[in-house]
Amino acid sequence: MPKTANYLDYYDVLDVPKNATNLQIREAYVRLKQTYDGRNQALYSLCSEEEAQEMRSQVEQAYSVLQDEGKRREYNLSQEGPATPSYLEKDSHSGFRSHETPMAQPEFGYRSVSSIRPVKAKKIHAPGSRDEGLQEKLAEIVAAGDPGDGALLRRLREASGVSDLQMHESTKIGIDHIRAIESNTFELLPKGIFVKGFLRSYLKYLLVPDIEVFVSAFVERLETARMPQSDL
């Protein structure tokens, strides 16, 4: 089943391949816990507390599923067919009901899941984003553009009647990061794992389908731009 805005790609969240071993999943979880830990002073030069908090929530949700053999099998099957596991059920108002996802207790000496403050429910979608006429207009913009181009994202936002400040206030993505993404100013953006989170929140707010297509294309362009010229 193609990836859409209705799903978080848990493998992408943890930045591991779909055939990752349990050890690789644990190592990725530990690494991301360290990266997004509120005590990591370097974190706040890259993203806001709200952004870090959202990413911590996604990491916990992904790990709670992928570290459990049964849930992981069910999740993998859900990507191939129409059935949606109960823990992936989407709430029409507040998005993924991650607060209902059984959370695994970390075994590595970090703070317990219960000590991480839950992400406050935010308005997930832009006003009028479900309008059929607008969705058709967005589809036309997508068809005529490059999903890896930040300028295309800006056109989608503007067509939706959303200012960059509104996007910032609703998604908690830093305004400087929004503007850097939309202008392809890669040198002002943090690591790819952070940018993936920004893009998912941005596109989810506009109700753009097939989010992962945009995420993959933009991050590929970002990483290519950062490669040393001798490696190109």
Foldseek 3Di string as FASTA:
>chain_A
DFAKLLFDPLCLLLVHDLPDDLVSLLVSLVVLCVQLPPVPPVNPVAAHVLLSLVSNLSSQLSSLQCNDVVSSVVVVVVVVDVDDDPQSDADPFQGRPSVPRDGDFDDPPDDGPVVRDHRDRFGQADPPLPPPVLLVVLVVLVVPDDLQALLSLVVNCVSSVHDLVNLCVRLVTDSVQNVCSNHVVLVSHDDLSSVLSVQSSSCRHSSNISSVSSSVSNSVVSVVVPDPPVVD
